[in-house]
Amino acid sequence: MHSNVALALDVGGTKFAAGLVTDDGNVVAMKQVPTPQTSRSDELFATLLGLANDVLGSNSEVAVCGVGCGGPMTRNGEAVSPLNIPAWREFPLRDRLREGLGMGVCIDNDAKALALGEAWFGAGRNLSNFLAMVVSTGIGGGLFVDGRLLDGGAGNAGHIGHVIVEPEGADCACGSQGCLEAEASGPSIGRRLGADPSTADVHEKRRAGMLVGRAVASAVNLLDLEHVLIGGSVALGFGDEFFAAANMELLDRCRLDFSRGVRISPVGLGTEAPLVGAAAVGFRSLGIDARARSI
């Protein structure tokens, strides 16, 4: 039986989502709104805080607020600079939320949060070494290696969206060229099509999957991973064509004994993965470890 509830916030370039999540991984309330298209940082924050308070209501059981936010960011989300939210550059999200909500707040990269949620409650529960990815408005990753979530020097480990997959490819918001995010994210696909990414044909779905598989192969060969889990609106929306192409590319490029046979599959938590992951970030700050509890 669960004993704690977290307020979970998922902060992305297309939408803000908020939910109440129990410490056994169940989403018991959820609401989302489009991310305001504004250059005013305070307008963005007011929308997020209003959404959080709407979901929170008069609930007195909430123990902590956990946040998954696009990166990069400084450690613990003290200052966030999501590439797909230009109005926030070094925005003090953690302190502003603490002040606005009156509770403890813990922030991590949204894809790292996804990895933690999958490790605790999803398809990563029995894995010690895996990559979890978001392929959506942006592309990010979280690495679970030797049974623990990798943070890196500034807390941004796993940023696979900025692995180069097309050296002469499209310009990326990070300042580089040919990054996976510049080639296979929702906005990049939309720019190439001149239409909403949801209208993509089979060729475009397979191209996105192939490029993701190319980036994943480098990570698998580098880190000796067992499996790769992918969520996000592009990956899940493109479905079987995307995943088949990604696995075909992975099969072609992972030829070492330890990397041959690694597979890519959808996240186990489906569309709830971002909120469950954000909640896991919050619970972890309280010393709760659902993965250890389930062993």
Protein backbone atom coordinates (compact mmCIF):
# COMPACT_ATOMS: atom_id res chain seq x y z
CA MET A 1 0.00 0.00 0.00
CA HIS A 2 1.32 3.44 -0.89
CA SER A 3 2.02 5.94 1.88
CA ASN A 4 3.11 9.01 -0.08
CA VAL A 5 1.82 11.14 -2.94
CA ALA A 6 3.98 13.39 -5.12
CA LEU A 7 2.99 16.35 -7.21
CA ALA A 8 4.64 15.55 -10.56
CA LEU A 9 5.40 18.20 -13.19
CA ASP A 10 6.52 17.49 -16.75
CA VAL A 11 7.93 20.62 -18.42
CA GLY A 12 8.31 20.45 -22.19
CA GLY A 13 8.36 22.67 -25.23
CA THR A 14 4.91 21.58 -26.42
CA LYS A 15 3.03 21.04 -23.18
CA PHE A 16 3.15 21.37 -19.42
CA ALA A 17 1.64 18.42 -17.52
CA ALA A 18 0.93 17.99 -13.84
CA GLY A 19 -0.27 15.00 -11.88
CA LEU A 20 -0.59 13.38 -8.50
CA VAL A 21 1.33 10.11 -8.35
CA THR A 22 1.47 7.58 -5.54
CA ASP A 23 4.72 5.95 -4.45
CA ASP A 24 3.66 2.71 -6.11
CA GLY A 25 3.62 4.49 -9.47
CA ASN A 26 -0.10 5.14 -10.00
CA VAL A 27 -1.23 8.44 -11.54
CA VAL A 28 -4.38 9.43 -9.65
CA ALA A 29 -4.93 12.89 -11.18
CA MET A 30 -3.57 14.59 -14.28
CA LYS A 31 -3.99 17.79 -16.28
CA GLN A 32 -2.00 19.41 -19.08
CA VAL A 33 -1.92 22.68 -21.01
CA PRO A 34 -0.01 23.85 -24.10
CA THR A 35 3.32 25.50 -23.37
CA PRO A 36 2.76 29.24 -23.84
CA GLN A 37 4.54 30.60 -26.89
CA THR A 38 5.96 33.69 -25.21
CA SER A 39 9.28 35.39 -24.62
CA ARG A 40 8.27 36.33 -21.07
CA SER A 41 9.78 33.95 -18.52
CA ASP A 42 7.33 34.94 -15.78
CA GLU A 43 4.34 34.23 -18.02
CA LEU A 44 5.62 30.71 -18.56
CA PHE A 45 6.15 30.20 -14.87
CA ALA A 46 2.72 31.55 -13.97
CA THR A 47 1.15 29.00 -16.32
CA LEU A 48 3.14 26.16 -14.76
CA LEU A 49 2.39 27.25 -11.20
CA GLY A 50 -1.31 27.67 -11.97
CA LEU A 51 -1.44 24.19 -13.47
CA ALA A 52 0.35 22.73 -10.44
CA ASN A 53 -2.06 24.40 -8.03
CA ASP A 54 -5.08 23.24 -10.06
CA VAL A 55 -3.96 19.63 -9.74
CA LEU A 56 -2.84 20.02 -6.15
CA GLY A 57 -6.15 21.50 -4.99
CA SER A 58 -6.68 21.02 -1.28
CA ASN A 59 -4.81 17.69 -1.18
CA SER A 60 -2.91 17.53 2.10
CA GLU A 61 -1.21 14.19 1.45
CA VAL A 62 1.35 15.52 -1.03
CA ALA A 63 4.85 14.90 0.30
CA VAL A 64 7.02 16.51 -2.38
CA CYS A 65 7.04 18.02 -5.87
CA GLY A 66 9.11 16.18 -8.47
CA VAL A 67 9.86 17.80 -11.83
CA GLY A 68 11.13 16.49 -15.14
CA CYS A 69 12.27 19.38 -17.32
CA GLY A 70 13.97 19.65 -20.69
CA GLY A 71 17.66 20.50 -20.46
CA PRO A 72 20.32 21.47 -20.16
CA MET A 73 20.29 22.61 -16.55
CA THR A 74 22.59 23.08 -13.60
CA ARG A 75 22.72 20.34 -11.00
CA ASN A 76 19.40 19.69 -9.24
CA GLY A 77 17.59 22.07 -11.56
CA GLU A 78 18.69 25.18 -9.73
CA ALA A 79 18.78 26.93 -13.12
CA VAL A 80 17.15 25.48 -16.24
CA SER A 81 17.78 26.40 -19.88
CA PRO A 82 15.60 24.09 -22.04
CA LEU A 83 16.62 24.44 -25.67
CA ASN A 84 12.98 24.21 -26.77
CA ILE A 85 11.81 26.88 -24.27
CA PRO A 86 13.86 29.94 -25.34
CA ALA A 87 12.28 32.24 -22.71
CA TRP A 88 13.96 30.26 -19.93
CA ARG A 89 17.70 30.72 -19.85
CA GLU A 90 19.25 30.03 -16.45
CA PHE A 91 15.75 30.31 -15.01
CA PRO A 92 15.70 29.55 -11.24
CA LEU A 93 12.90 27.00 -11.52
CA ARG A 94 13.52 25.09 -8.30
CA ASP A 95 13.51 28.13 -6.03
CA ARG A 96 10.51 29.68 -7.77
CA LEU A 97 8.50 26.47 -7.39
CA ARG A 98 9.50 26.06 -3.75
CA GLU A 99 8.32 29.58 -3.05
CA GLY A 100 5.14 29.25 -5.08
CA LEU A 101 4.09 25.82 -3.81
CA GLY A 102 5.39 25.96 -0.26
CA MET A 103 6.86 22.45 -0.38
CA GLY A 104 10.08 20.64 -1.19
CA VAL A 105 10.92 20.51 -4.91
CA CYS A 106 13.38 18.24 -6.71
CA ILE A 107 14.14 18.70 -10.43
CA ASP A 108 15.96 16.57 -12.98
CA ASN A 109 16.23 16.31 -16.75
CA ASP A 110 12.98 14.90 -18.15
CA ALA A 111 14.66 11.95 -19.86
CA LYS A 112 16.63 11.06 -16.72
CA ALA A 113 13.36 11.20 -14.82
CA LEU A 114 11.87 8.86 -17.42
CA ALA A 115 14.73 6.42 -16.88
CA LEU A 116 14.21 6.47 -13.11
CA GLY A 117 10.48 5.91 -13.49
CA GLU A 118 11.02 2.99 -15.87
CA ALA A 119 13.60 1.49 -13.49
CA TRP A 120 11.20 1.70 -10.56
CA PHE A 121 7.81 0.96 -12.11
CA GLY A 122 8.16 0.21 -15.83
CA ALA A 123 10.00 -1.96 -18.33
CA GLY A 124 13.39 -1.34 -16.66
CA ARG A 125 12.53 -2.99 -13.34
CA ASN A 126 14.61 -6.08 -14.10
CA LEU A 127 17.41 -4.29 -15.95
CA SER A 128 20.69 -3.01 -14.50
CA ASN A 129 22.00 -1.34 -17.65
CA PHE A 130 19.67 0.48 -20.03
CA LEU A 131 19.02 3.72 -21.85
CA ALA A 132 15.64 5.43 -21.68
CA MET A 133 14.84 8.07 -24.30
CA VAL A 134 12.26 10.73 -25.06
CA VAL A 135 11.69 11.39 -28.77
CA SER A 136 9.24 14.28 -28.88
CA THR A 137 9.57 18.06 -29.19
CA GLY A 138 13.13 17.45 -28.06
CA ILE A 139 15.22 14.29 -27.79
CA GLY A 140 16.90 13.33 -24.54
CA GLY A 141 18.11 10.28 -22.71
CA GLY A 142 18.71 8.91 -19.26
CA LEU A 143 21.23 6.19 -18.45
CA PHE A 144 20.79 3.50 -15.84
CA VAL A 145 24.21 1.83 -15.50
CA ASP A 146 25.31 -0.76 -12.95
CA GLY A 147 21.94 -0.40 -11.26
CA ARG A 148 21.95 3.36 -10.77
CA LEU A 149 20.98 6.51 -12.63
CA LEU A 150 23.99 8.36 -14.05
CA ASP A 151 24.14 12.10 -13.34
CA GLY A 152 27.39 13.34 -14.92
CA GLY A 153 29.36 16.40 -13.92
CA ALA A 154 26.51 18.92 -14.03
CA GLY A 155 23.61 16.46 -13.92
CA ASN A 156 23.10 16.25 -17.70
CA ALA A 157 24.34 12.73 -18.45
CA GLY A 158 22.55 10.95 -21.28
CA HIS A 159 21.89 13.90 -23.63
CA ILE A 160 21.74 11.60 -26.66
CA GLY A 161 19.76 14.15 -28.66
CA HIS A 162 23.06 15.87 -29.37
CA VAL A 163 24.89 12.87 -30.77
CA ILE A 164 25.76 13.68 -34.39
CA VAL A 165 23.88 11.42 -36.80
CA GLU A 166 24.20 13.48 -40.03
CA PRO A 167 27.53 15.39 -40.10
CA GLU A 168 26.30 17.72 -42.86
CA GLY A 169 22.76 17.82 -41.53
CA ALA A 170 20.45 20.48 -40.18
CA ASP A 171 21.51 23.21 -37.78
CA CYS A 172 20.65 22.46 -34.18
CA ALA A 173 19.45 24.82 -31.45
CA CYS A 174 22.50 23.80 -29.42
CA GLY A 175 24.74 25.50 -32.03
CA SER A 176 26.01 22.32 -33.65
CA GLN A 177 24.95 20.64 -36.89
CA GLY A 178 23.42 17.25 -37.64
CA CYS A 179 22.40 16.39 -34.06
CA LEU A 180 19.77 13.71 -33.62
CA GLU A 181 17.41 16.35 -32.20
CA ALA A 182 17.87 18.52 -35.30
CA GLU A 183 16.97 15.59 -37.55
CA ALA A 184 14.37 13.43 -35.76
CA SER A 185 12.50 15.58 -33.21
CA GLY A 186 8.91 16.66 -33.84
CA PRO A 187 9.75 20.25 -34.83
CA SER A 188 12.59 19.16 -37.12
CA ILE A 189 10.32 16.68 -38.89
CA GLY A 190 7.64 19.36 -39.16
CA ARG A 191 10.09 21.81 -40.74
CA ARG A 192 11.23 19.23 -43.26
CA LEU A 193 7.66 18.26 -44.16
CA GLY A 194 6.22 21.75 -44.04
CA ALA A 195 3.36 20.18 -42.10
CA ASP A 196 2.48 18.75 -38.71
CA PRO A 197 4.67 15.72 -37.84
CA SER A 198 1.52 13.65 -37.35
CA THR A 199 1.11 13.71 -41.15
CA ALA A 200 4.44 11.92 -41.69
CA ASP A 201 4.36 9.08 -44.20
CA VAL A 202 6.00 5.67 -43.81
CA HIS A 203 9.29 6.91 -45.27
CA GLU A 204 9.54 9.72 -42.73
CA LYS A 205 8.66 7.44 -39.83
CA ARG A 206 11.33 4.97 -40.91
CA ARG A 207 13.88 7.74 -41.38
CA ALA A 208 13.31 8.99 -37.83
CA GLY A 209 13.60 5.46 -36.46
CA MET A 210 16.78 4.81 -38.45
CA LEU A 211 18.47 7.94 -37.12
CA VAL A 212 17.48 7.15 -33.56
CA GLY A 213 18.86 3.63 -34.02
CA ARG A 214 22.12 5.11 -35.31
CA ALA A 215 22.55 7.25 -32.20
CA VAL A 216 21.50 4.42 -29.90
CA ALA A 217 24.07 2.09 -31.44
CA SER A 218 26.86 4.41 -30.37
CA ALA A 219 25.54 4.47 -26.80
CA VAL A 220 25.11 0.69 -26.67
CA ASN A 221 28.62 0.04 -27.98
CA LEU A 222 30.08 2.64 -25.63
CA LEU A 223 28.31 1.65 -22.42
CA ASP A 224 27.56 -2.08 -22.74
CA LEU A 225 23.79 -1.65 -22.31
CA GLU A 226 21.25 -4.45 -22.14
CA HIS A 227 18.21 -2.70 -23.58
CA VAL A 228 16.81 0.64 -24.79
CA LEU A 229 13.38 2.03 -23.91
CA ILE A 230 11.87 4.89 -25.90
CA GLY A 231 8.85 7.10 -25.23
CA GLY A 232 7.65 10.50 -26.35
CA SER A 233 4.98 11.64 -28.78
CA VAL A 234 7.05 11.10 -31.94
CA ALA A 235 8.27 7.61 -31.09
CA LEU A 236 4.96 6.36 -29.70
CA GLY A 237 2.97 8.18 -32.36
CA PHE A 238 5.02 6.78 -35.23
CA GLY A 239 4.67 3.30 -33.73
CA ASP A 240 5.72 0.06 -35.37
CA GLU A 241 7.38 1.61 -38.43
CA PHE A 242 9.60 3.75 -36.19
CA PHE A 243 10.60 0.92 -33.86
CA ALA A 244 11.21 -1.57 -36.67
CA ALA A 245 13.55 0.87 -38.46
CA ALA A 246 15.36 1.72 -35.22
CA ASN A 247 15.96 -1.94 -34.45
CA MET A 248 17.11 -2.67 -38.00
CA GLU A 249 19.71 0.11 -37.76
CA LEU A 250 20.78 -1.09 -34.31
CA LEU A 251 21.19 -4.63 -35.61
CA ASP A 252 23.34 -3.37 -38.47
CA ARG A 253 25.62 -1.21 -36.32
CA CYS A 254 26.01 -3.24 -33.11
CA ARG A 255 28.38 -6.04 -34.14
CA LEU A 256 30.41 -6.58 -30.95
CA ASP A 257 29.73 -9.72 -28.96
CA PHE A 258 28.33 -7.76 -26.02
CA SER A 259 26.20 -5.36 -28.08
CA ARG A 260 24.85 -7.75 -30.70
CA GLY A 261 21.19 -8.53 -30.02
CA VAL A 262 20.35 -5.47 -27.93
CA ARG A 263 16.81 -4.31 -28.69
CA ILE A 264 14.82 -1.08 -28.65
CA SER A 265 11.24 -1.17 -27.35
CA PRO A 266 8.58 1.29 -26.20
CA VAL A 267 8.62 2.45 -22.58
CA GLY A 268 6.59 0.28 -20.26
CA LEU A 269 4.71 3.18 -18.68
CA GLY A 270 3.39 4.52 -21.98
CA THR A 271 2.13 8.08 -22.05
CA GLU A 272 2.19 8.28 -18.23
CA ALA A 273 5.97 7.73 -18.17
CA PRO A 274 6.95 11.44 -17.92
CA LEU A 275 4.75 12.09 -14.88
CA VAL A 276 5.66 8.85 -13.13
CA GLY A 277 9.32 9.64 -13.76
CA ALA A 278 8.95 13.16 -12.37
CA ALA A 279 7.29 11.73 -9.26
CA ALA A 280 10.16 9.25 -8.87
CA VAL A 281 12.60 12.18 -8.84
CA GLY A 282 10.62 13.67 -5.97
CA PHE A 283 10.33 10.41 -4.04
CA ARG A 284 14.04 9.75 -4.40
CA SER A 285 14.74 13.07 -2.67
CA LEU A 286 12.78 11.72 0.32
CA GLY A 287 14.94 8.60 0.47
CA ILE A 288 12.23 6.42 -1.07
CA ASP A 289 13.47 3.76 -3.51
CA ALA A 290 10.62 1.76 -5.00
CA ARG A 291 13.05 -0.44 -6.92
CA ALA A 292 14.79 -1.58 -3.73
CA ARG A 293 11.44 -2.00 -1.99
CA SER A 294 10.20 -4.38 -4.68
CA ILE A 295 13.22 -6.71 -4.52
